[in-house]
PDB file of all heavy atoms in Angstrom:
ATOM      1  N   GLY A   1       0.832  -1.248  -0.087  1.00  0.00           N
ATOM      2  CA  GLY A   1       0.011  -0.024   0.013  1.00  0.00           C
ATOM      3  C   GLY A   1       0.838   1.202  -0.018  1.00  0.00           C
ATOM      4  O   GLY A   1       0.493   2.214  -0.594  1.00  0.00           O
ATOM      5  N   ALA A   2       1.926   1.198   0.736  1.00  0.00           N
ATOM      6  CA  ALA A   2       2.831   2.381   0.781  1.00  0.00           C
ATOM      7  C   ALA A   2       3.456   2.643  -0.538  1.00  0.00           C
ATOM      8  O   ALA A   2       3.622   3.794  -1.016  1.00  0.00           O
ATOM      9  CB  ALA A   2       3.972   2.192   1.876  1.00  0.00           C
ATOM     10  N   LEU A   3       3.885   1.553  -1.327  1.00  0.00           N
ATOM     11  CA  LEU A   3       4.414   1.663  -2.578  1.00  0.00           C
ATOM     12  C   LEU A   3       3.437   2.194  -3.581  1.00  0.00           C
ATOM     13  O   LEU A   3       3.705   3.094  -4.340  1.00  0.00           O
ATOM     14  CB  LEU A   3       4.973   0.375  -3.045  1.00  0.00           C
ATOM     15  CG  LEU A   3       5.631   0.384  -4.544  1.00  0.00           C
ATOM     16  CD1 LEU A   3       6.786   1.343  -4.611  1.00  0.00           C
ATOM     17  CD2 LEU A   3       6.030  -0.967  -4.917  1.00  0.00           C
ATOM     18  N   ASP A   4       2.210   1.687  -3.494  1.00  0.00           N
ATOM     19  CA  ASP A   4       1.095   2.241  -4.341  1.00  0.00           C
ATOM     20  C   ASP A   4       0.878   3.664  -4.150  1.00  0.00           C
ATOM     21  O   ASP A   4       0.706   4.454  -5.089  1.00  0.00           O
ATOM     22  CB  ASP A   4      -0.158   1.341  -4.024  1.00  0.00           C
ATOM     23  CG  ASP A   4      -1.326   1.662  -4.985  1.00  0.00           C
ATOM     24  OD1 ASP A   4      -1.925   2.762  -4.877  1.00  0.00           O
ATOM     25  OD2 ASP A   4      -1.463   0.855  -5.913  1.00  0.00           O
ATOM     26  N   ASP A   5       0.845   4.061  -2.935  1.00  0.00           N
ATOM     27  CA  ASP A   5       0.618   5.575  -2.537  1.00  0.00           C
ATOM     28  C   ASP A   5       1.733   6.435  -3.074  1.00  0.00           C
ATOM     29  O   ASP A   5       1.501   7.485  -3.641  1.00  0.00           O
ATOM     30  CB  ASP A   5       0.486   5.671  -1.053  1.00  0.00           C
ATOM     31  CG  ASP A   5       0.308   7.170  -0.692  1.00  0.00           C
ATOM     32  OD1 ASP A   5      -0.846   7.740  -0.925  1.00  0.00           O
ATOM     33  OD2 ASP A   5       1.124   7.714   0.010  1.00  0.00           O
ATOM     34  N   LEU A   6       3.014   5.927  -2.896  1.00  0.00           N
ATOM     35  CA  LEU A   6       4.146   6.711  -3.275  1.00  0.00           C
ATOM     36  C   LEU A   6       4.136   6.862  -4.765  1.00  0.00           C
ATOM     37  O   LEU A   6       4.351   7.963  -5.361  1.00  0.00           O
ATOM     38  CB  LEU A   6       5.418   5.992  -2.817  1.00  0.00           C
ATOM     39  CG  LEU A   6       6.827   6.552  -3.403  1.00  0.00           C
ATOM     40  CD1 LEU A   6       6.969   7.962  -2.985  1.00  0.00           C
ATOM     41  CD2 LEU A   6       7.927   5.642  -2.941  1.00  0.00           C
ATOM     42  N   LEU A   7       3.959   5.775  -5.532  1.00  0.00           N
ATOM     43  CA  LEU A   7       3.960   5.917  -7.016  1.00  0.00           C
ATOM     44  C   LEU A   7       2.714   6.706  -7.499  1.00  0.00           C
ATOM     45  O   LEU A   7       2.867   7.536  -8.533  1.00  0.00           O
ATOM     46  CB  LEU A   7       3.914   4.465  -7.677  1.00  0.00           C
ATOM     47  CG  LEU A   7       5.121   3.641  -7.418  1.00  0.00           C
ATOM     48  CD1 LEU A   7       4.931   2.235  -7.861  1.00  0.00           C
ATOM     49  CD2 LEU A   7       6.292   4.203  -8.244  1.00  0.00           C
ATOM     50  N   SER A   8       1.605   6.571  -6.837  1.00  0.00           N
ATOM     51  CA  SER A   8       0.427   7.340  -7.233  1.00  0.00           C
ATOM     52  C   SER A   8       0.711   8.811  -7.184  1.00  0.00           C
ATOM     53  O   SER A   8       0.438   9.591  -8.074  1.00  0.00           O
ATOM     54  CB  SER A   8      -0.792   6.981  -6.314  1.00  0.00           C
ATOM     55  OG  SER A   8      -1.813   7.854  -6.557  1.00  0.00           O
ATOM     56  N   ARG A   9       1.319   9.281  -6.087  1.00  0.00           N
ATOM     57  CA  ARG A   9       1.568  10.691  -5.880  1.00  0.00           C
ATOM     58  C   ARG A   9       2.736  11.217  -6.759  1.00  0.00           C
ATOM     59  O   ARG A   9       2.709  12.376  -7.282  1.00  0.00           O
ATOM     60  CB  ARG A   9       1.831  10.991  -4.413  1.00  0.00           C
ATOM     61  CG  ARG A   9       0.630  10.916  -3.580  1.00  0.00           C
ATOM     62  CD  ARG A   9       0.785  11.501  -2.176  1.00  0.00           C
ATOM     63  NE  ARG A   9       1.620  10.636  -1.330  1.00  0.00           N
ATOM     64  CZ  ARG A   9       2.215  11.115  -0.176  1.00  0.00           C
ATOM     65  NH1 ARG A   9       2.047  12.325   0.220  1.00  0.00           N
ATOM     66  NH2 ARG A   9       2.932  10.227   0.591  1.00  0.00           N
ATOM     67  N   LEU A  10       3.794  10.471  -6.969  1.00  0.00           N
ATOM     68  CA  LEU A  10       4.888  10.731  -7.866  1.00  0.00           C
ATOM     69  C   LEU A  10       4.370  10.961  -9.267  1.00  0.00           C
ATOM     70  O   LEU A  10       4.775  11.858  -9.958  1.00  0.00           O
ATOM     71  CB  LEU A  10       5.955   9.665  -7.815  1.00  0.00           C
ATOM     72  CG  LEU A  10       6.914   9.618  -6.632  1.00  0.00           C
ATOM     73  CD1 LEU A  10       7.766   8.476  -6.722  1.00  0.00           C
ATOM     74  CD2 LEU A  10       7.746  10.948  -6.553  1.00  0.00           C
ATOM     75  N   SER A  11       3.373  10.100  -9.678  1.00  0.00           N
ATOM     76  CA  SER A  11       2.828  10.249 -10.978  1.00  0.00           C
ATOM     77  C   SER A  11       1.910  11.453 -11.146  1.00  0.00           C
ATOM     78  O   SER A  11       2.005  12.224 -12.046  1.00  0.00           O
ATOM     79  CB  SER A  11       2.041   8.885 -11.317  1.00  0.00           C
ATOM     80  OG  SER A  11       1.371   9.036 -12.572  1.00  0.00           O
ATOM     81  N   ALA A  12       1.028  11.587 -10.245  1.00  0.00           N
ATOM     82  CA  ALA A  12       0.013  12.627 -10.272  1.00  0.00           C
ATOM     83  C   ALA A  12       0.627  14.029 -10.054  1.00  0.00           C
ATOM     84  O   ALA A  12       0.250  15.020 -10.740  1.00  0.00           O
ATOM     85  CB  ALA A  12      -1.090  12.375  -9.207  1.00  0.00           C
ATOM     86  N   LEU A  13       1.570  14.170  -9.095  1.00  0.00           N
ATOM     87  CA  LEU A  13       2.063  15.525  -8.673  1.00  0.00           C
ATOM     88  C   LEU A  13       3.289  15.831  -9.406  1.00  0.00           C
ATOM     89  O   LEU A  13       3.526  17.068  -9.612  1.00  0.00           O
ATOM     90  CB  LEU A  13       2.311  15.441  -7.174  1.00  0.00           C
ATOM     91  CG  LEU A  13       1.144  15.257  -6.278  1.00  0.00           C
ATOM     92  CD1 LEU A  13       1.606  15.209  -4.823  1.00  0.00           C
ATOM     93  CD2 LEU A  13       0.045  16.266  -6.498  1.00  0.00           C
ATOM     94  N   ALA A  14       4.058  14.904  -9.859  1.00  0.00           N
ATOM     95  CA  ALA A  14       5.389  15.196 -10.496  1.00  0.00           C
ATOM     96  C   ALA A  14       5.521  14.665 -11.899  1.00  0.00           C
ATOM     97  O   ALA A  14       6.564  14.812 -12.510  1.00  0.00           O
ATOM     98  CB  ALA A  14       6.577  14.784  -9.559  1.00  0.00           C
ATOM     99  N   GLY A  15       4.474  14.008 -12.368  1.00  0.00           N
ATOM    100  CA  GLY A  15       4.606  13.393 -13.737  1.00  0.00           C
ATOM    101  C   GLY A  15       5.706  12.401 -13.913  1.00  0.00           C
ATOM    102  O   GLY A  15       6.348  12.348 -14.999  1.00  0.00           O
ATOM    103  N   VAL A  16       6.084  11.617 -12.890  1.00  0.00           N
ATOM    104  CA  VAL A  16       7.201  10.810 -13.000  1.00  0.00           C
ATOM    105  C   VAL A  16       6.931   9.633 -13.854  1.00  0.00           C
ATOM    106  O   VAL A  16       5.904   8.929 -13.824  1.00  0.00           O
ATOM    107  CB  VAL A  16       7.554  10.252 -11.517  1.00  0.00           C
ATOM    108  CG1 VAL A  16       8.579   9.099 -11.632  1.00  0.00           C
ATOM    109  CG2 VAL A  16       8.178  11.377 -10.706  1.00  0.00           C
ATOM    110  N   ARG A  17       7.863   9.389 -14.830  1.00  0.00           N
ATOM    111  CA  ARG A  17       7.746   8.300 -15.746  1.00  0.00           C
ATOM    112  C   ARG A  17       8.974   7.390 -15.793  1.00  0.00           C
ATOM    113  O   ARG A  17       8.912   6.377 -16.388  1.00  0.00           O
ATOM    114  CB  ARG A  17       7.543   8.816 -17.223  1.00  0.00           C
ATOM    115  CG  ARG A  17       6.232   9.624 -17.397  1.00  0.00           C
ATOM    116  CD  ARG A  17       5.046   8.688 -17.274  1.00  0.00           C
ATOM    117  NE  ARG A  17       3.807   9.402 -17.321  1.00  0.00           N
ATOM    118  CZ  ARG A  17       3.121   9.876 -16.213  1.00  0.00           C
ATOM    119  NH1 ARG A  17       3.544   9.624 -15.056  1.00  0.00           N
ATOM    120  NH2 ARG A  17       1.981  10.594 -16.317  1.00  0.00           N
ATOM    121  N   ARG A  18       9.974   7.825 -15.011  1.00  0.00           N
ATOM    122  CA  ARG A  18      11.251   6.956 -14.951  1.00  0.00           C
ATOM    123  C   ARG A  18      11.614   6.986 -13.488  1.00  0.00           C
ATOM    124  O   ARG A  18      11.537   8.023 -12.800  1.00  0.00           O
ATOM    125  CB  ARG A  18      12.316   7.563 -15.810  1.00  0.00           C
ATOM    126  CG  ARG A  18      11.977   7.547 -17.259  1.00  0.00           C
ATOM    127  CD  ARG A  18      12.864   8.627 -17.996  1.00  0.00           C
ATOM    128  NE  ARG A  18      14.258   8.219 -17.955  1.00  0.00           N
ATOM    129  CZ  ARG A  18      15.244   9.069 -18.500  1.00  0.00           C
ATOM    130  NH1 ARG A  18      14.892  10.323 -18.846  1.00  0.00           N
ATOM    131  NH2 ARG A  18      16.564   8.785 -18.387  1.00  0.00           N
ATOM    132  N   VAL A  19      12.075   5.826 -12.992  1.00  0.00           N
ATOM    133  CA  VAL A  19      12.540   5.696 -11.646  1.00  0.00           C
ATOM    134  C   VAL A  19      13.883   5.003 -11.576  1.00  0.00           C
ATOM    135  O   VAL A  19      14.212   4.220 -12.566  1.00  0.00           O
ATOM    136  CB  VAL A  19      11.529   4.981 -10.630  1.00  0.00           C
ATOM    137  CG1 VAL A  19      10.182   5.775 -10.652  1.00  0.00           C
ATOM    138  CG2 VAL A  19      11.235   3.580 -11.198  1.00  0.00           C
ATOM    139  N   LEU A  20      14.569   5.060 -10.470  1.00  0.00           N
ATOM    140  CA  LEU A  20      15.723   4.284 -10.259  1.00  0.00           C
ATOM    141  C   LEU A  20      15.460   3.307  -9.085  1.00  0.00           C
ATOM    142  O   LEU A  20      15.266   3.764  -7.947  1.00  0.00           O
ATOM    143  CB  LEU A  20      16.922   5.123  -9.966  1.00  0.00           C
ATOM    144  CG  LEU A  20      18.326   4.377  -9.726  1.00  0.00           C
ATOM    145  CD1 LEU A  20      18.774   3.691 -10.979  1.00  0.00           C
ATOM    146  CD2 LEU A  20      19.338   5.492  -9.285  1.00  0.00           C
ATOM    147  N   ALA A  21      15.373   2.011  -9.363  1.00  0.00           N
ATOM    148  CA  ALA A  21      15.024   1.023  -8.324  1.00  0.00           C
ATOM    149  C   ALA A  21      16.272   0.499  -7.703  1.00  0.00           C
ATOM    150  O   ALA A  21      17.131  -0.106  -8.400  1.00  0.00           O
ATOM    151  CB  ALA A  21      14.221  -0.108  -8.927  1.00  0.00           C
ATOM    152  N   ILE A  22      16.412   0.587  -6.425  1.00  0.00           N
ATOM    153  CA  ILE A  22      17.540   0.142  -5.642  1.00  0.00           C
ATOM    154  C   ILE A  22      17.156  -0.757  -4.447  1.00  0.00           C
ATOM    155  O   ILE A  22      16.007  -0.529  -3.959  1.00  0.00           O
ATOM    156  CB  ILE A  22      18.443   1.252  -5.262  1.00  0.00           C
ATOM    157  CG1 ILE A  22      17.777   2.251  -4.305  1.00  0.00           C
ATOM    158  CG2 ILE A  22      19.045   2.006  -6.415  1.00  0.00           C
ATOM    159  CD1 ILE A  22      18.592   3.378  -3.820  1.00  0.00           C
ATOM    160  N   GLY A  23      18.037  -1.432  -3.863  1.00  0.00           N
ATOM    161  CA  GLY A  23      17.751  -2.073  -2.586  1.00  0.00           C
ATOM    162  C   GLY A  23      17.608  -1.142  -1.387  1.00  0.00           C
ATOM    163  O   GLY A  23      16.739  -1.202  -0.578  1.00  0.00           O
ATOM    164  N   GLY A  24      18.564  -0.161  -1.466  1.00  0.00           N
ATOM    165  CA  GLY A  24      18.641   0.860  -0.307  1.00  0.00           C
ATOM    166  C   GLY A  24      19.640   0.596   0.659  1.00  0.00           C
ATOM    167  O   GLY A  24      20.287  -0.515   0.686  1.00  0.00           O
ATOM    168  N   ASP A  25      20.054   1.550   1.427  1.00  0.00           N
ATOM    169  CA  ASP A  25      21.083   1.452   2.405  1.00  0.00           C
ATOM    170  C   ASP A  25      20.691   0.746   3.702  1.00  0.00           C
ATOM    171  O   ASP A  25      21.557   0.425   4.528  1.00  0.00           O
ATOM    172  CB  ASP A  25      21.591   2.884   2.726  1.00  0.00           C
ATOM    173  CG  ASP A  25      22.334   3.465   1.498  1.00  0.00           C
ATOM    174  OD1 ASP A  25      22.841   2.748   0.670  1.00  0.00           O
ATOM    175  OD2 ASP A  25      22.297   4.732   1.407  1.00  0.00           O
ATOM    176  N   SER A  26      19.373   0.727   3.945  1.00  0.00           N
ATOM    177  CA  SER A  26      18.980   0.047   5.224  1.00  0.00           C
ATOM    178  C   SER A  26      19.342  -1.394   5.255  1.00  0.00           C
ATOM    179  O   SER A  26      19.203  -2.109   4.278  1.00  0.00           O
ATOM    180  CB  SER A  26      17.435   0.159   5.336  1.00  0.00           C
ATOM    181  OG  SER A  26      17.009   1.531   5.324  1.00  0.00           O
ATOM    182  N   GLU A  27      19.865  -1.843   6.398  1.00  0.00           N
ATOM    183  CA  GLU A  27      20.228  -3.277   6.519  1.00  0.00           C
ATOM    184  C   GLU A  27      19.018  -4.186   6.634  1.00  0.00           C
ATOM    185  O   GLU A  27      19.118  -5.327   6.130  1.00  0.00           O
ATOM    186  CB  GLU A  27      21.193  -3.470   7.835  1.00  0.00           C
ATOM    187  CG  GLU A  27      22.500  -2.834   7.619  1.00  0.00           C
ATOM    188  CD  GLU A  27      23.403  -3.092   8.828  1.00  0.00           C
ATOM    189  OE1 GLU A  27      23.031  -3.904   9.683  1.00  0.00           O
ATOM    190  OE2 GLU A  27      24.549  -2.493   8.887  1.00  0.00           O
ATOM    191  N   ARG A  28      17.926  -3.737   7.173  1.00  0.00           N
ATOM    192  CA  ARG A  28      16.748  -4.594   7.318  1.00  0.00           C
ATOM    193  C   ARG A  28      15.586  -3.918   6.674  1.00  0.00           C
ATOM    194  O   ARG A  28      15.431  -2.683   6.659  1.00  0.00           O
ATOM    195  CB  ARG A  28      16.465  -4.757   8.769  1.00  0.00           C
ATOM    196  CG  ARG A  28      17.608  -5.279   9.600  1.00  0.00           C
ATOM    197  CD  ARG A  28      17.274  -5.360  11.075  1.00  0.00           C
ATOM    198  NE  ARG A  28      16.286  -6.304  11.401  1.00  0.00           N
ATOM    199  CZ  ARG A  28      15.913  -6.594  12.646  1.00  0.00           C
ATOM    200  NH1 ARG A  28      16.421  -5.974  13.649  1.00  0.00           N
ATOM    201  NH2 ARG A  28      14.988  -7.556  12.896  1.00  0.00           N
ATOM    202  N   ALA A  29      14.803  -4.723   5.948  1.00  0.00           N
ATOM    203  CA  ALA A  29      13.692  -4.177   5.209  1.00  0.00           C
ATOM    204  C   ALA A  29      12.553  -3.812   6.160  1.00  0.00           C
ATOM    205  O   ALA A  29      12.291  -4.537   7.139  1.00  0.00           O
ATOM    206  CB  ALA A  29      13.180  -5.289   4.240  1.00  0.00           C
ATOM    207  N   GLU A  30      11.897  -2.673   5.816  1.00  0.00           N
ATOM    208  CA  GLU A  30      10.804  -2.235   6.736  1.00  0.00           C
ATOM    209  C   GLU A  30       9.489  -2.912   6.340  1.00  0.00           C
ATOM    210  O   GLU A  30       8.505  -2.911   7.092  1.00  0.00           O
ATOM    211  CB  GLU A  30      10.638  -0.720   6.539  1.00  0.00           C
ATOM    212  CG  GLU A  30      11.810   0.083   7.082  1.00  0.00           C
ATOM    213  CD  GLU A  30      11.542   1.594   6.905  1.00  0.00           C
ATOM    214  OE1 GLU A  30      10.382   1.984   6.734  1.00  0.00           O
ATOM    215  OE2 GLU A  30      12.566   2.316   7.011  1.00  0.00           O
ATOM    216  N   GLY A  31       9.435  -3.660   5.172  1.00  0.00           N
ATOM    217  CA  GLY A  31       8.272  -4.182   4.708  1.00  0.00           C
ATOM    218  C   GLY A  31       8.570  -5.382   3.859  1.00  0.00           C
ATOM    219  O   GLY A  31       9.489  -6.129   4.094  1.00  0.00           O
ATOM    220  N   PRO A  32       7.709  -5.724   2.890  1.00  0.00           N
ATOM    221  CA  PRO A  32       7.845  -6.903   2.101  1.00  0.00           C
ATOM    222  C   PRO A  32       8.898  -6.864   0.898  1.00  0.00           C
ATOM    223  O   PRO A  32       9.173  -7.880   0.312  1.00  0.00           O
ATOM    224  CB  PRO A  32       6.458  -7.041   1.433  1.00  0.00           C
ATOM    225  CG  PRO A  32       5.987  -5.693   1.326  1.00  0.00           C
ATOM    226  CD  PRO A  32       6.490  -4.924   2.470  1.00  0.00           C
ATOM    227  N   PHE A  33       9.517  -5.709   0.747  1.00  0.00           N
ATOM    228  CA  PHE A  33      10.478  -5.616  -0.391  1.00  0.00           C
ATOM    229  C   PHE A  33      11.860  -5.558   0.139  1.00  0.00           C
ATOM    230  O   PHE A  33      12.199  -4.709   0.993  1.00  0.00           O
ATOM    231  CB  PHE A  33      10.197  -4.322  -1.125  1.00  0.00           C
ATOM    232  CG  PHE A  33       8.767  -4.223  -1.652  1.00  0.00           C
ATOM    233  CD1 PHE A  33       7.838  -3.341  -1.070  1.00  0.00           C
ATOM    234  CD2 PHE A  33       8.351  -5.018  -2.667  1.00  0.00           C
ATOM    235  CE1 PHE A  33       6.590  -3.229  -1.598  1.00  0.00           C
ATOM    236  CE2 PHE A  33       7.038  -4.863  -3.217  1.00  0.00           C
ATOM    237  CZ  PHE A  33       6.190  -4.025  -2.634  1.00  0.00           C
ATOM    238  N   ASN A  34      12.645  -6.438  -0.345  1.00  0.00           N
ATOM    239  CA  ASN A  34      14.140  -6.551   0.057  1.00  0.00           C
ATOM    240  C   ASN A  34      15.068  -6.126  -0.966  1.00  0.00           C
ATOM    241  O   ASN A  34      16.179  -5.824  -0.689  1.00  0.00           O
ATOM    242  CB  ASN A  34      14.413  -7.974   0.555  1.00  0.00           C
ATOM    243  CG  ASN A  34      15.769  -8.006   1.264  1.00  0.00           C
ATOM    244  OD1 ASN A  34      15.919  -7.387   2.400  1.00  0.00           O
ATOM    245  ND2 ASN A  34      16.693  -8.750   0.741  1.00  0.00           N
ATOM    246  N   SER A  35      14.598  -6.180  -2.254  1.00  0.00           N
ATOM    247  CA  SER A  35      15.611  -5.775  -3.333  1.00  0.00           C
ATOM    248  C   SER A  35      14.809  -5.146  -4.453  1.00  0.00           C
ATOM    249  O   SER A  35      13.521  -5.112  -4.517  1.00  0.00           O
ATOM    250  CB  SER A  35      16.241  -7.072  -3.851  1.00  0.00           C
ATOM    251  OG  SER A  35      15.306  -7.910  -4.440  1.00  0.00           O
ATOM    252  N   ALA A  36      15.593  -4.626  -5.433  1.00  0.00           N
ATOM    253  CA  ALA A  36      14.947  -3.844  -6.528  1.00  0.00           C
ATOM    254  C   ALA A  36      14.096  -4.717  -7.388  1.00  0.00           C
ATOM    255  O   ALA A  36      13.104  -4.336  -7.888  1.00  0.00           O
ATOM    256  CB  ALA A  36      16.086  -3.157  -7.318  1.00  0.00           C
ATOM    257  N   ILE A  37      14.522  -5.980  -7.581  1.00  0.00           N
ATOM    258  CA  ILE A  37      13.755  -6.809  -8.470  1.00  0.00           C
ATOM    259  C   ILE A  37      12.267  -7.092  -7.932  1.00  0.00           C
ATOM    260  O   ILE A  37      11.369  -7.227  -8.756  1.00  0.00           O
ATOM    261  CB  ILE A  37      14.471  -8.262  -8.597  1.00  0.00           C
ATOM    262  CG1 ILE A  37      13.740  -9.013  -9.806  1.00  0.00           C
ATOM    263  CG2 ILE A  37      14.476  -9.050  -7.408  1.00  0.00           C
ATOM    264  CD1 ILE A  37      14.559 -10.209 -10.214  1.00  0.00           C
ATOM    265  N   GLU A  38      12.176  -7.014  -6.675  1.00  0.00           N
ATOM    266  CA  GLU A  38      10.739  -7.172  -6.052  1.00  0.00           C
ATOM    267  C   GLU A  38       9.865  -5.955  -6.429  1.00  0.00           C
ATOM    268  O   GLU A  38       8.674  -6.052  -6.599  1.00  0.00           O
ATOM    269  CB  GLU A  38      10.852  -7.403  -4.602  1.00  0.00           C
ATOM    270  CG  GLU A  38      11.487  -8.766  -4.255  1.00  0.00           C
ATOM    271  CD  GLU A  38      11.947  -8.846  -2.856  1.00  0.00           C
ATOM    272  OE1 GLU A  38      11.798  -7.898  -2.023  1.00  0.00           O
ATOM    273  OE2 GLU A  38      12.213  -9.992  -2.396  1.00  0.00           O
ATOM    274  N   LEU A  39      10.476  -4.806  -6.477  1.00  0.00           N
ATOM    275  CA  LEU A  39       9.738  -3.577  -6.913  1.00  0.00           C
ATOM    276  C   LEU A  39       9.343  -3.776  -8.431  1.00  0.00           C
ATOM    277  O   LEU A  39       8.199  -3.424  -8.736  1.00  0.00           O
ATOM    278  CB  LEU A  39      10.653  -2.238  -6.699  1.00  0.00           C
ATOM    279  CG  LEU A  39      11.006  -1.979  -5.309  1.00  0.00           C
ATOM    280  CD1 LEU A  39      11.897  -0.738  -5.336  1.00  0.00           C
ATOM    281  CD2 LEU A  39       9.832  -1.663  -4.447  1.00  0.00           C
ATOM    282  N   ILE A  40      10.290  -4.231  -9.206  1.00  0.00           N
ATOM    283  CA  ILE A  40       9.965  -4.395 -10.667  1.00  0.00           C
ATOM    284  C   ILE A  40       8.887  -5.422 -10.842  1.00  0.00           C
ATOM    285  O   ILE A  40       8.006  -5.190 -11.711  1.00  0.00           O
ATOM    286  CB  ILE A  40      11.301  -4.769 -11.347  1.00  0.00           C
ATOM    287  CG1 ILE A  40      12.334  -3.715 -11.271  1.00  0.00           C
ATOM    288  CG2 ILE A  40      10.981  -5.213 -12.823  1.00  0.00           C
ATOM    289  CD1 ILE A  40      13.710  -4.059 -11.742  1.00  0.00           C
ATOM    290  N   GLU A  41       8.931  -6.466 -10.131  1.00  0.00           N
ATOM    291  CA  GLU A  41       8.027  -7.526 -10.342  1.00  0.00           C
ATOM    292  C   GLU A  41       6.582  -7.219  -9.586  1.00  0.00           C
ATOM    293  O   GLU A  41       5.625  -8.066  -9.776  1.00  0.00           O
ATOM    294  CB  GLU A  41       8.610  -8.893  -9.783  1.00  0.00           C
ATOM    295  CG  GLU A  41       9.765  -9.407 -10.580  1.00  0.00           C
ATOM    296  CD  GLU A  41      10.315 -10.646  -9.960  1.00  0.00           C
ATOM    297  OE1 GLU A  41      10.143 -10.861  -8.707  1.00  0.00           O
ATOM    298  OE2 GLU A  41      10.945 -11.422 -10.669  1.00  0.00           O
ATOM    299  N   SER A  42       6.479  -6.222  -8.841  1.00  0.00           N
ATOM    300  CA  SER A  42       5.263  -5.870  -8.153  1.00  0.00           C
ATOM    301  C   SER A  42       4.110  -5.610  -9.087  1.00  0.00           C
ATOM    302  O   SER A  42       2.874  -5.682  -8.736  1.00  0.00           O
ATOM    303  CB  SER A  42       5.490  -4.783  -7.182  1.00  0.00           C
ATOM    304  OG  SER A  42       5.669  -3.461  -7.944  1.00  0.00           O
ATOM    305  N   GLY A  43       4.398  -5.068 -10.289  1.00  0.00           N
ATOM    306  CA  GLY A  43       3.365  -4.659 -11.230  1.00  0.00           C
ATOM    307  C   GLY A  43       2.904  -3.231 -10.987  1.00  0.00           C
ATOM    308  O   GLY A  43       2.239  -2.739 -11.862  1.00  0.00           O
TER     309      GLY A  43
END
């Protein structure tokens, strides 16, 4: 839901059409995504 909300607002407010997907610097995942490929495969 947080990813859906983030992408929704980036699209609506900033017209974002390109993103850079990374794992991130956090050692532990805050939610269900641990790596960039999971963002890509989320749909």
